[in-house]
């Protein structure tokens, strides 16, 4: 079963709030594909486990809107490229930290941890 979960975690990152994107290998591939499509077309959508992930390329944005049934990723082209590069680099278990602006200042991308 593919794992894709996005959660807001208060005080998770050294006492500061963070957004945690938890993935397995297939989840990495699905999110990377949807993100690449958005980078090429301006937006994309992925449905997984009754949650819709929407990716929107928006100049100056680094925002993740969280709802139980919908996650909207509003990302500047450079931020989208940074996340795509991090997903590509996650060949095995590990994690990356990405600066965002809302709902926290940190996105933690975690694979198989």
PDB file of N, CA and C in Angstrom:
ATOM      1  N   UNK A   1       0.835  -1.180   0.000  1.00  0.00           N
ATOM      2  CA  UNK A   1       0.000   0.000   0.000  1.00  0.00           C
ATOM      3  C   UNK A   1       0.883   1.247   0.000  1.00  0.00           C
ATOM      4  N   UNK A   2       0.532   2.203  -0.800  1.00  0.00           N
ATOM      5  CA  UNK A   2       1.291   3.444  -0.929  1.00  0.00           C
ATOM      6  C   UNK A   2       1.026   4.375   0.249  1.00  0.00           C
ATOM      7  N   UNK A   3       2.087   5.014   0.739  1.00  0.00           N
ATOM      8  CA  UNK A   3       1.963   5.951   1.851  1.00  0.00           C
ATOM      9  C   UNK A   3       2.190   7.375   1.360  1.00  0.00           C
ATOM     10  N   UNK A   4       1.176   8.225   1.571  1.00  0.00           N
ATOM     11  CA  UNK A   4       1.277   9.674   1.371  1.00  0.00           C
ATOM     12  C   UNK A   4       0.450  10.302   2.487  1.00  0.00           C
ATOM     13  N   UNK A   5       1.116  10.945   3.431  1.00  0.00           N
ATOM     14  CA  UNK A   5       0.410  11.629   4.511  1.00  0.00           C
ATOM     15  C   UNK A   5       1.017  13.016   4.712  1.00  0.00           C
ATOM     16  N   UNK A   6       0.151  13.998   4.914  1.00  0.00           N
ATOM     17  CA  UNK A   6       0.597  15.362   5.197  1.00  0.00           C
ATOM     18  C   UNK A   6      -0.088  15.788   6.490  1.00  0.00           C
ATOM     19  N   UNK A   7       0.713  16.151   7.481  1.00  0.00           N
ATOM     20  CA  UNK A   7       0.170  16.517   8.791  1.00  0.00           C
ATOM     21  C   UNK A   7       0.851  17.761   9.338  1.00  0.00           C
ATOM     22  N   UNK A   8       0.076  18.564  10.049  1.00  0.00           N
ATOM     23  CA  UNK A   8       0.597  19.693  10.805  1.00  0.00           C
ATOM     24  C   UNK A   8       0.961  19.176  12.188  1.00  0.00           C
ATOM     25  N   UNK A   9       2.195  19.404  12.610  1.00  0.00           N
ATOM     26  CA  UNK A   9       2.650  18.913  13.906  1.00  0.00           C
ATOM     27  C   UNK A   9       3.164  20.071  14.755  1.00  0.00           C
ATOM     28  N   UNK A  10       2.388  20.464  15.764  1.00  0.00           N
ATOM     29  CA  UNK A  10       2.835  21.541  16.651  1.00  0.00           C
ATOM     30  C   UNK A  10       4.103  21.138  17.400  1.00  0.00           C
ATOM     31  N   UNK A  11       5.042  22.055  17.482  1.00  0.00           N
ATOM     32  CA  UNK A  11       6.276  21.891  18.259  1.00  0.00           C
ATOM     33  C   UNK A  11       7.098  20.661  17.841  1.00  0.00           C
ATOM     34  N   UNK A  12       7.012  20.241  16.599  1.00  0.00           N
ATOM     35  CA  UNK A  12       7.693  19.035  16.119  1.00  0.00           C
ATOM     36  C   UNK A  12       9.169  19.265  15.847  1.00  0.00           C
ATOM     37  N   UNK A  13       9.510  20.406  15.307  1.00  0.00           N
ATOM     38  CA  UNK A  13      10.868  20.667  14.837  1.00  0.00           C
ATOM     39  C   UNK A  13      11.570  21.607  15.817  1.00  0.00           C
ATOM     40  N   UNK A  14      12.330  21.039  16.748  1.00  0.00           N
ATOM     41  CA  UNK A  14      13.036  21.814  17.776  1.00  0.00           C
ATOM     42  C   UNK A  14      12.116  22.791  18.498  1.00  0.00           C
ATOM     43  N   UNK A  15      10.906  22.341  18.807  1.00  0.00           N
ATOM     44  CA  UNK A  15       9.939  23.154  19.525  1.00  0.00           C
ATOM     45  C   UNK A  15       9.087  24.042  18.642  1.00  0.00           C
ATOM     46  N   UNK A  16       9.385  24.088  17.348  1.00  0.00           N
ATOM     47  CA  UNK A  16       8.594  24.888  16.411  1.00  0.00           C
ATOM     48  C   UNK A  16       7.638  23.982  15.640  1.00  0.00           C
ATOM     49  N   UNK A  17       6.551  24.578  15.170  1.00  0.00           N
ATOM     50  CA  UNK A  17       5.587  23.847  14.370  1.00  0.00           C
ATOM     51  C   UNK A  17       6.210  23.452  13.033  1.00  0.00           C
ATOM     52  N   UNK A  18       5.707  22.364  12.464  1.00  0.00           N
ATOM     53  CA  UNK A  18       6.189  21.907  11.159  1.00  0.00           C
ATOM     54  C   UNK A  18       5.059  21.186  10.430  1.00  0.00           C
ATOM     55  N   UNK A  19       5.215  21.081   9.128  1.00  0.00           N
ATOM     56  CA  UNK A  19       4.358  20.234   8.317  1.00  0.00           C
ATOM     57  C   UNK A  19       5.200  19.022   7.951  1.00  0.00           C
ATOM     58  N   UNK A  20       4.649  17.828   8.168  1.00  0.00           N
ATOM     59  CA  UNK A  20       5.360  16.592   7.894  1.00  0.00           C
ATOM     60  C   UNK A  20       4.713  15.875   6.718  1.00  0.00           C
ATOM     61  N   UNK A  21       5.488  15.668   5.661  1.00  0.00           N
ATOM     62  CA  UNK A  21       5.077  14.877   4.503  1.00  0.00           C
ATOM     63  C   UNK A  21       5.745  13.520   4.655  1.00  0.00           C
ATOM     64  N   UNK A  22       4.946  12.491   4.925  1.00  0.00           N
ATOM     65  CA  UNK A  22       5.442  11.140   5.141  1.00  0.00           C
ATOM     66  C   UNK A  22       5.145  10.303   3.907  1.00  0.00           C
ATOM     67  N   UNK A  23       6.183   9.652   3.375  1.00  0.00           N
ATOM     68  CA  UNK A  23       6.057   8.900   2.129  1.00  0.00           C
ATOM     69  C   UNK A  23       6.791   7.576   2.212  1.00  0.00           C
ATOM     70  N   UNK A  24       6.360   6.634   1.371  1.00  0.00           N
ATOM     71  CA  UNK A  24       7.175   5.473   1.071  1.00  0.00           C
ATOM     72  C   UNK A  24       7.675   5.660  -0.364  1.00  0.00           C
ATOM     73  N   UNK A  25       8.358   4.672  -0.911  1.00  0.00           N
ATOM     74  CA  UNK A  25       8.920   4.817  -2.252  1.00  0.00           C
ATOM     75  C   UNK A  25       7.891   5.128  -3.314  1.00  0.00           C
ATOM     76  N   UNK A  26       6.750   4.431  -3.295  1.00  0.00           N
ATOM     77  CA  UNK A  26       5.698   4.698  -4.271  1.00  0.00           C
ATOM     78  C   UNK A  26       5.087   6.083  -4.053  1.00  0.00           C
ATOM     79  N   UNK A  27       4.971   6.486  -2.794  1.00  0.00           N
ATOM     80  CA  UNK A  27       4.449   7.816  -2.487  1.00  0.00           C
ATOM     81  C   UNK A  27       5.359   8.910  -3.024  1.00  0.00           C
ATOM     82  N   UNK A  28       6.670   8.705  -2.891  1.00  0.00           N
ATOM     83  CA  UNK A  28       7.632   9.654  -3.444  1.00  0.00           C
ATOM     84  C   UNK A  28       7.394   9.797  -4.944  1.00  0.00           C
ATOM     85  N   UNK A  29       7.267   8.662  -5.633  1.00  0.00           N
ATOM     86  CA  UNK A  29       7.073   8.689  -7.083  1.00  0.00           C
ATOM     87  C   UNK A  29       5.787   9.413  -7.473  1.00  0.00           C
ATOM     88  N   UNK A  30       4.697   9.159  -6.748  1.00  0.00           N
ATOM     89  CA  UNK A  30       3.417   9.799  -7.074  1.00  0.00           C
ATOM     90  C   UNK A  30       3.450  11.302  -6.833  1.00  0.00           C
ATOM     91  N   UNK A  31       3.988  11.716  -5.695  1.00  0.00           N
ATOM     92  CA  UNK A  31       4.061  13.151  -5.395  1.00  0.00           C
ATOM     93  C   UNK A  31       5.002  13.839  -6.374  1.00  0.00           C
ATOM     94  N   UNK A  32       6.132  13.221  -6.668  1.00  0.00           N
ATOM     95  CA  UNK A  32       7.095  13.804  -7.622  1.00  0.00           C
ATOM     96  C   UNK A  32       6.449  13.969  -8.995  1.00  0.00           C
ATOM     97  N   UNK A  33       5.713  12.979  -9.447  1.00  0.00           N
ATOM     98  CA  UNK A  33       5.042  13.052 -10.743  1.00  0.00           C
ATOM     99  C   UNK A  33       4.011  14.177 -10.766  1.00  0.00           C
ATOM    100  N   UNK A  34       3.208  14.293  -9.712  1.00  0.00           N
ATOM    101  CA  UNK A  34       2.204  15.362  -9.646  1.00  0.00           C
ATOM    102  C   UNK A  34       2.873  16.735  -9.579  1.00  0.00           C
ATOM    103  N   UNK A  35       3.957  16.831  -8.837  1.00  0.00           N
ATOM    104  CA  UNK A  35       4.686  18.095  -8.737  1.00  0.00           C
ATOM    105  C   UNK A  35       5.311  18.472 -10.081  1.00  0.00           C
ATOM    106  N   UNK A  36       5.878  17.495 -10.779  1.00  0.00           N
ATOM    107  CA  UNK A  36       6.451  17.761 -12.103  1.00  0.00           C
ATOM    108  C   UNK A  36       5.371  18.219 -13.085  1.00  0.00           C
ATOM    109  N   UNK A  37       4.206  17.586 -13.026  1.00  0.00           N
ATOM    110  CA  UNK A  37       3.098  18.003 -13.894  1.00  0.00           C
ATOM    111  C   UNK A  37       2.701  19.450 -13.605  1.00  0.00           C
ATOM    112  N   UNK A  38       2.632  19.811 -12.339  1.00  0.00           N
ATOM    113  CA  UNK A  38       2.293  21.192 -11.971  1.00  0.00           C
ATOM    114  C   UNK A  38       3.367  22.162 -12.446  1.00  0.00           C
ATOM    115  N   UNK A  39       4.619  21.774 -12.346  1.00  0.00           N
ATOM    116  CA  UNK A  39       5.710  22.645 -12.806  1.00  0.00           C
ATOM    117  C   UNK A  39       5.606  22.874 -14.311  1.00  0.00           C
ATOM    118  N   UNK A  40       5.140  21.881 -15.041  1.00  0.00           N
ATOM    119  CA  UNK A  40       5.011  21.995 -16.496  1.00  0.00           C
ATOM    120  C   UNK A  40       3.725  22.673 -16.936  1.00  0.00           C
ATOM    121  N   UNK A  41       2.650  22.497 -16.168  1.00  0.00           N
ATOM    122  CA  UNK A  41       1.320  22.960 -16.597  1.00  0.00           C
ATOM    123  C   UNK A  41       0.694  24.020 -15.699  1.00  0.00           C
ATOM    124  N   UNK A  42       1.340  24.350 -14.601  1.00  0.00           N
ATOM    125  CA  UNK A  42       0.800  25.364 -13.696  1.00  0.00           C
ATOM    126  C   UNK A  42       0.003  24.791 -12.542  1.00  0.00           C
ATOM    127  N   UNK A  43      -0.517  23.563 -12.707  1.00  0.00           N
ATOM    128  CA  UNK A  43      -1.247  22.921 -11.620  1.00  0.00           C
ATOM    129  C   UNK A  43      -1.410  21.432 -11.923  1.00  0.00           C
ATOM    130  N   UNK A  44      -1.726  20.682 -10.888  1.00  0.00           N
ATOM    131  CA  UNK A  44      -2.014  19.266 -11.044  1.00  0.00           C
ATOM    132  C   UNK A  44      -2.791  18.792  -9.826  1.00  0.00           C
ATOM    133  N   UNK A  45      -3.293  17.570  -9.921  1.00  0.00           N
ATOM    134  CA  UNK A  45      -4.088  16.998  -8.837  1.00  0.00           C
ATOM    135  C   UNK A  45      -3.774  15.515  -8.725  1.00  0.00           C
ATOM    136  N   UNK A  46      -3.712  15.039  -7.488  1.00  0.00           N
ATOM    137  CA  UNK A  46      -3.479  13.637  -7.187  1.00  0.00           C
ATOM    138  C   UNK A  46      -4.477  13.218  -6.115  1.00  0.00           C
ATOM    139  N   UNK A  47      -5.204  12.148  -6.363  1.00  0.00           N
ATOM    140  CA  UNK A  47      -6.128  11.603  -5.371  1.00  0.00           C
ATOM    141  C   UNK A  47      -5.535  10.322  -4.800  1.00  0.00           C
ATOM    142  N   UNK A  48      -5.454  10.270  -3.463  1.00  0.00           N
ATOM    143  CA  UNK A  48      -4.893   9.091  -2.794  1.00  0.00           C
ATOM    144  C   UNK A  48      -5.537   8.933  -1.423  1.00  0.00           C
ATOM    145  N   UNK A  49      -6.060   7.766  -1.145  1.00  0.00           N
ATOM    146  CA  UNK A  49      -6.688   7.473   0.156  1.00  0.00           C
ATOM    147  C   UNK A  49      -7.713   8.532   0.573  1.00  0.00           C
ATOM    148  N   UNK A  50      -8.578   8.905  -0.337  1.00  0.00           N
ATOM    149  CA  UNK A  50      -9.647   9.867  -0.077  1.00  0.00           C
ATOM    150  C   UNK A  50      -9.142  11.273   0.262  1.00  0.00           C
ATOM    151  N   UNK A  51      -7.896  11.563  -0.078  1.00  0.00           N
ATOM    152  CA  UNK A  51      -7.344  12.902   0.095  1.00  0.00           C
ATOM    153  C   UNK A  51      -6.860  13.389  -1.270  1.00  0.00           C
ATOM    154  N   UNK A  52      -7.278  14.588  -1.630  1.00  0.00           N
ATOM    155  CA  UNK A  52      -6.832  15.199  -2.878  1.00  0.00           C
ATOM    156  C   UNK A  52      -5.658  16.114  -2.589  1.00  0.00           C
ATOM    157  N   UNK A  53      -4.561  15.879  -3.293  1.00  0.00           N
ATOM    158  CA  UNK A  53      -3.391  16.741  -3.229  1.00  0.00           C
ATOM    159  C   UNK A  53      -3.428  17.620  -4.468  1.00  0.00           C
ATOM    160  N   UNK A  54      -3.534  18.925  -4.289  1.00  0.00           N
ATOM    161  CA  UNK A  54      -3.533  19.860  -5.410  1.00  0.00           C
ATOM    162  C   UNK A  54      -2.234  20.661  -5.370  1.00  0.00           C
ATOM    163  N   UNK A  55      -1.568  20.741  -6.510  1.00  0.00           N
ATOM    164  CA  UNK A  55      -0.333  21.505  -6.627  1.00  0.00           C
ATOM    165  C   UNK A  55      -0.591  22.679  -7.554  1.00  0.00           C
ATOM    166  N   UNK A  56      -0.318  23.879  -7.069  1.00  0.00           N
ATOM    167  CA  UNK A  56      -0.527  25.102  -7.830  1.00  0.00           C
ATOM    168  C   UNK A  56       0.773  25.901  -7.821  1.00  0.00           C
ATOM    169  N   UNK A  57       1.270  26.219  -9.001  1.00  0.00           N
ATOM    170  CA  UNK A  57       2.475  27.041  -9.093  1.00  0.00           C
ATOM    171  C   UNK A  57       2.040  28.497  -9.061  1.00  0.00           C
ATOM    172  N   UNK A  58       2.548  29.214  -8.054  1.00  0.00           N
ATOM    173  CA  UNK A  58       2.119  30.584  -7.793  1.00  0.00           C
ATOM    174  C   UNK A  58       3.341  31.406  -7.370  1.00  0.00           C
ATOM    175  N   UNK A  59       3.715  32.419  -8.145  1.00  0.00           N
ATOM    176  CA  UNK A  59       4.897  33.216  -7.805  1.00  0.00           C
ATOM    177  C   UNK A  59       4.866  33.719  -6.358  1.00  0.00           C
ATOM    178  N   UNK A  60       5.980  33.549  -5.663  1.00  0.00           N
ATOM    179  CA  UNK A  60       6.128  34.043  -4.301  1.00  0.00           C
ATOM    180  C   UNK A  60       5.514  33.173  -3.220  1.00  0.00           C
ATOM    181  N   UNK A  61       4.877  32.064  -3.581  1.00  0.00           N
ATOM    182  CA  UNK A  61       4.170  31.256  -2.586  1.00  0.00           C
ATOM    183  C   UNK A  61       5.015  30.095  -2.077  1.00  0.00           C
ATOM    184  N   UNK A  62       4.792  29.767  -0.809  1.00  0.00           N
ATOM    185  CA  UNK A  62       5.356  28.570  -0.174  1.00  0.00           C
ATOM    186  C   UNK A  62       4.391  28.169   0.937  1.00  0.00           C
ATOM    187  N   UNK A  63       3.166  27.851   0.528  1.00  0.00           N
ATOM    188  CA  UNK A  63       2.051  27.647   1.454  1.00  0.00           C
ATOM    189  C   UNK A  63       1.466  26.263   1.241  1.00  0.00           C
ATOM    190  N   UNK A  64       1.148  25.588   2.340  1.00  0.00           N
ATOM    191  CA  UNK A  64       0.449  24.309   2.285  1.00  0.00           C
ATOM    192  C   UNK A  64      -0.845  24.481   3.072  1.00  0.00           C
ATOM    193  N   UNK A  65      -1.971  24.352   2.386  1.00  0.00           N
ATOM    194  CA  UNK A  65      -3.284  24.470   3.020  1.00  0.00           C
ATOM    195  C   UNK A  65      -3.763  23.065   3.350  1.00  0.00           C
ATOM    196  N   UNK A  66      -3.999  22.809   4.630  1.00  0.00           N
ATOM    197  CA  UNK A  66      -4.340  21.471   5.094  1.00  0.00           C
ATOM    198  C   UNK A  66      -5.803  21.358   5.486  1.00  0.00           C
ATOM    199  N   UNK A  67      -6.443  20.346   4.959  1.00  0.00           N
ATOM    200  CA  UNK A  67      -7.816  20.001   5.283  1.00  0.00           C
ATOM    201  C   UNK A  67      -7.839  18.473   5.304  1.00  0.00           C
ATOM    202  N   UNK A  68      -8.688  17.836   6.095  1.00  0.00           N
ATOM    203  CA  UNK A  68      -8.674  16.372   6.138  1.00  0.00           C
ATOM    204  C   UNK A  68      -8.849  15.682   4.779  1.00  0.00           C
ATOM    205  N   UNK A  69      -9.588  16.287   3.870  1.00  0.00           N
ATOM    206  CA  UNK A  69      -9.841  15.655   2.570  1.00  0.00           C
ATOM    207  C   UNK A  69      -9.094  16.320   1.414  1.00  0.00           C
ATOM    208  N   UNK A  70      -8.364  17.401   1.710  1.00  0.00           N
ATOM    209  CA  UNK A  70      -7.726  18.155   0.627  1.00  0.00           C
ATOM    210  C   UNK A  70      -6.488  18.878   1.150  1.00  0.00           C
ATOM    211  N   UNK A  71      -5.402  18.759   0.391  1.00  0.00           N
ATOM    212  CA  UNK A  71      -4.173  19.503   0.689  1.00  0.00           C
ATOM    213  C   UNK A  71      -3.838  20.308  -0.561  1.00  0.00           C
ATOM    214  N   UNK A  72      -3.697  21.617  -0.402  1.00  0.00           N
ATOM    215  CA  UNK A  72      -3.340  22.482  -1.522  1.00  0.00           C
ATOM    216  C   UNK A  72      -1.930  22.989  -1.298  1.00  0.00           C
ATOM    217  N   UNK A  73      -1.076  22.679  -2.256  1.00  0.00           N
ATOM    218  CA  UNK A  73       0.322  23.108  -2.243  1.00  0.00           C
ATOM    219  C   UNK A  73       0.436  24.312  -3.163  1.00  0.00           C
ATOM    220  N   UNK A  74       0.636  25.499  -2.626  1.00  0.00           N
ATOM    221  CA  UNK A  74       0.845  26.711  -3.420  1.00  0.00           C
ATOM    222  C   UNK A  74       2.337  27.023  -3.359  1.00  0.00           C
ATOM    223  N   UNK A  75       3.000  26.817  -4.484  1.00  0.00           N
ATOM    224  CA  UNK A  75       4.465  26.883  -4.481  1.00  0.00           C
ATOM    225  C   UNK A  75       4.988  27.770  -5.587  1.00  0.00           C
ATOM    226  N   UNK A  76       5.955  28.588  -5.229  1.00  0.00           N
ATOM    227  CA  UNK A  76       6.726  29.359  -6.187  1.00  0.00           C
ATOM    228  C   UNK A  76       7.483  28.366  -7.086  1.00  0.00           C
ATOM    229  N   UNK A  77       7.763  28.727  -8.340  1.00  0.00           N
ATOM    230  CA  UNK A  77       8.506  27.801  -9.203  1.00  0.00           C
ATOM    231  C   UNK A  77       9.829  27.317  -8.593  1.00  0.00           C
ATOM    232  N   UNK A  78      10.560  28.196  -7.926  1.00  0.00           N
ATOM    233  CA  UNK A  78      11.835  27.792  -7.318  1.00  0.00           C
ATOM    234  C   UNK A  78      11.606  26.833  -6.151  1.00  0.00           C
ATOM    235  N   UNK A  79      10.577  27.062  -5.358  1.00  0.00           N
ATOM    236  CA  UNK A  79      10.277  26.178  -4.229  1.00  0.00           C
ATOM    237  C   UNK A  79       9.809  24.819  -4.741  1.00  0.00           C
ATOM    238  N   UNK A  80       9.013  24.807  -5.792  1.00  0.00           N
ATOM    239  CA  UNK A  80       8.571  23.548  -6.398  1.00  0.00           C
ATOM    240  C   UNK A  80       9.778  22.765  -6.914  1.00  0.00           C
ATOM    241  N   UNK A  81      10.736  23.455  -7.522  1.00  0.00           N
ATOM    242  CA  UNK A  81      11.951  22.806  -8.020  1.00  0.00           C
ATOM    243  C   UNK A  81      12.776  22.239  -6.861  1.00  0.00           C
ATOM    244  N   UNK A  82      12.872  22.983  -5.767  1.00  0.00           N
ATOM    245  CA  UNK A  82      13.612  22.509  -4.593  1.00  0.00           C
ATOM    246  C   UNK A  82      12.989  21.230  -4.043  1.00  0.00           C
ATOM    247  N   UNK A  83      11.675  21.204  -3.912  1.00  0.00           N
ATOM    248  CA  UNK A  83      10.993  20.016  -3.398  1.00  0.00           C
ATOM    249  C   UNK A  83      11.163  18.847  -4.368  1.00  0.00           C
ATOM    250  N   UNK A  84      11.041  19.101  -5.656  1.00  0.00           N
ATOM    251  CA  UNK A  84      11.230  18.044  -6.656  1.00  0.00           C
ATOM    252  C   UNK A  84      12.640  17.467  -6.564  1.00  0.00           C
ATOM    253  N   UNK A  85      13.635  18.319  -6.401  1.00  0.00           N
ATOM    254  CA  UNK A  85      15.012  17.855  -6.258  1.00  0.00           C
ATOM    255  C   UNK A  85      15.187  17.005  -5.001  1.00  0.00           C
ATOM    256  N   UNK A  86      14.556  17.431  -3.900  1.00  0.00           N
ATOM    257  CA  UNK A  86      14.633  16.665  -2.657  1.00  0.00           C
ATOM    258  C   UNK A  86      13.978  15.293  -2.833  1.00  0.00           C
ATOM    259  N   UNK A  87      12.834  15.252  -3.508  1.00  0.00           N
ATOM    260  CA  UNK A  87      12.165  13.973  -3.743  1.00  0.00           C
ATOM    261  C   UNK A  87      13.026  13.051  -4.594  1.00  0.00           C
ATOM    262  N   UNK A  88      13.699  13.606  -5.583  1.00  0.00           N
ATOM    263  CA  UNK A  88      14.598  12.819  -6.428  1.00  0.00           C
ATOM    264  C   UNK A  88      15.752  12.251  -5.608  1.00  0.00           C
ATOM    265  N   UNK A  89      16.248  13.026  -4.669  1.00  0.00           N
ATOM    266  CA  UNK A  89      17.388  12.607  -3.855  1.00  0.00           C
ATOM    267  C   UNK A  89      17.016  11.566  -2.796  1.00  0.00           C
ATOM    268  N   UNK A  90      15.730  11.420  -2.502  1.00  0.00           N
ATOM    269  CA  UNK A  90      15.302  10.450  -1.494  1.00  0.00           C
ATOM    270  C   UNK A  90      15.264   9.047  -2.086  1.00  0.00           C
ATOM    271  N   UNK A  91      16.419   8.507  -2.423  1.00  0.00           N
ATOM    272  CA  UNK A  91      16.488   7.179  -3.001  1.00  0.00           C
ATOM    273  C   UNK A  91      16.261   6.082  -1.984  1.00  0.00           C
ATOM    274  N   UNK A  92      16.471   6.383  -0.727  1.00  0.00           N
ATOM    275  CA  UNK A  92      16.272   5.432   0.357  1.00  0.00           C
ATOM    276  C   UNK A  92      15.702   6.205   1.548  1.00  0.00           C
ATOM    277  N   UNK A  93      15.595   5.534   2.666  1.00  0.00           N
ATOM    278  CA  UNK A  93      15.051   6.191   3.851  1.00  0.00           C
ATOM    279  C   UNK A  93      15.846   7.449   4.183  1.00  0.00           C
ATOM    280  N   UNK A  94      15.141   8.483   4.582  1.00  0.00           N
ATOM    281  CA  UNK A  94      15.784   9.732   4.965  1.00  0.00           C
ATOM    282  C   UNK A  94      14.787  10.861   4.985  1.00  0.00           C
ATOM    283  N   UNK A  95      15.302  12.060   5.158  1.00  0.00           N
ATOM    284  CA  UNK A  95      14.408  13.217   5.204  1.00  0.00           C
ATOM    285  C   UNK A  95      15.145  14.480   4.757  1.00  0.00           C
ATOM    286  N   UNK A  96      14.343  15.464   4.381  1.00  0.00           N
ATOM    287  CA  UNK A  96      14.819  16.796   4.006  1.00  0.00           C
ATOM    288  C   UNK A  96      13.959  17.828   4.703  1.00  0.00           C
ATOM    289  N   UNK A  97      14.537  19.008   4.930  1.00  0.00           N
ATOM    290  CA  UNK A  97      13.818  20.140   5.490  1.00  0.00           C
ATOM    291  C   UNK A  97      13.715  21.213   4.415  1.00  0.00           C
ATOM    292  N   UNK A  98      12.512  21.791   4.279  1.00  0.00           N
ATOM    293  CA  UNK A  98      12.264  22.825   3.284  1.00  0.00           C
ATOM    294  C   UNK A  98      11.623  24.009   3.995  1.00  0.00           C
ATOM    295  N   UNK A  99      12.122  25.211   3.730  1.00  0.00           N
ATOM    296  CA  UNK A  99      11.512  26.416   4.293  1.00  0.00           C
ATOM    297  C   UNK A  99      10.220  26.723   3.552  1.00  0.00           C
ATOM    298  N   UNK A 100       9.151  26.942   4.321  1.00  0.00           N
ATOM    299  CA  UNK A 100       7.867  27.373   3.773  1.00  0.00           C
ATOM    300  C   UNK A 100       7.380  28.545   4.616  1.00  0.00           C
ATOM    301  N   UNK A 101       6.224  29.104   4.277  1.00  0.00           N
ATOM    302  CA  UNK A 101       5.730  30.243   5.050  1.00  0.00           C
ATOM    303  C   UNK A 101       4.481  29.933   5.867  1.00  0.00           C
ATOM    304  N   UNK A 102       3.612  29.052   5.380  1.00  0.00           N
ATOM    305  CA  UNK A 102       2.377  28.733   6.115  1.00  0.00           C
ATOM    306  C   UNK A 102       2.017  27.276   5.890  1.00  0.00           C
ATOM    307  N   UNK A 103       1.463  26.609   6.856  1.00  0.00           N
ATOM    308  CA  UNK A 103       1.053  27.027   8.185  1.00  0.00           C
ATOM    309  C   UNK A 103       2.169  26.991   9.217  1.00  0.00           C
ATOM    310  N   UNK A 104       3.369  26.633   8.782  1.00  0.00           N
ATOM    311  CA  UNK A 104       4.553  26.624   9.639  1.00  0.00           C
ATOM    312  C   UNK A 104       5.719  27.106   8.785  1.00  0.00           C
ATOM    313  N   UNK A 105       6.877  27.238   9.391  1.00  0.00           N
ATOM    314  CA  UNK A 105       8.042  27.700   8.636  1.00  0.00           C
ATOM    315  C   UNK A 105       8.876  26.553   8.069  1.00  0.00           C
ATOM    316  N   UNK A 106       8.516  25.299   8.440  1.00  0.00           N
ATOM    317  CA  UNK A 106       9.309  24.157   8.009  1.00  0.00           C
ATOM    318  C   UNK A 106       8.410  23.041   7.479  1.00  0.00           C
ATOM    319  N   UNK A 107       8.793  22.507   6.311  1.00  0.00           N
ATOM    320  CA  UNK A 107       8.226  21.287   5.770  1.00  0.00           C
ATOM    321  C   UNK A 107       9.286  20.210   5.919  1.00  0.00           C
ATOM    322  N   UNK A 108       8.912  19.104   6.551  1.00  0.00           N
ATOM    323  CA  UNK A 108       9.805  17.958   6.673  1.00  0.00           C
ATOM    324  C   UNK A 108       9.296  16.895   5.701  1.00  0.00           C
ATOM    325  N   UNK A 109      10.138  16.510   4.757  1.00  0.00           N
ATOM    326  CA  UNK A 109       9.810  15.449   3.805  1.00  0.00           C
ATOM    327  C   UNK A 109      10.529  14.198   4.292  1.00  0.00           C
ATOM    328  N   UNK A 110       9.769  13.159   4.626  1.00  0.00           N
ATOM    329  CA  UNK A 110      10.339  11.969   5.225  1.00  0.00           C
ATOM    330  C   UNK A 110       9.953  10.728   4.425  1.00  0.00           C
ATOM    331  N   UNK A 111      10.959   9.920   4.074  1.00  0.00           N
ATOM    332  CA  UNK A 111      10.690   8.673   3.366  1.00  0.00           C
ATOM    333  C   UNK A 111      11.097   7.485   4.237  1.00  0.00           C
ATOM    334  N   UNK A 112      10.151   6.569   4.408  1.00  0.00           N
ATOM    335  CA  UNK A 112      10.397   5.292   5.091  1.00  0.00           C
ATOM    336  C   UNK A 112      11.037   5.443   6.461  1.00  0.00           C
ATOM    337  N   UNK A 113      10.619   6.449   7.199  1.00  0.00           N
ATOM    338  CA  UNK A 113      11.152   6.625   8.567  1.00  0.00           C
ATOM    339  C   UNK A 113      10.050   6.423   9.574  1.00  0.00           C
TER     340      UNK A 113
END
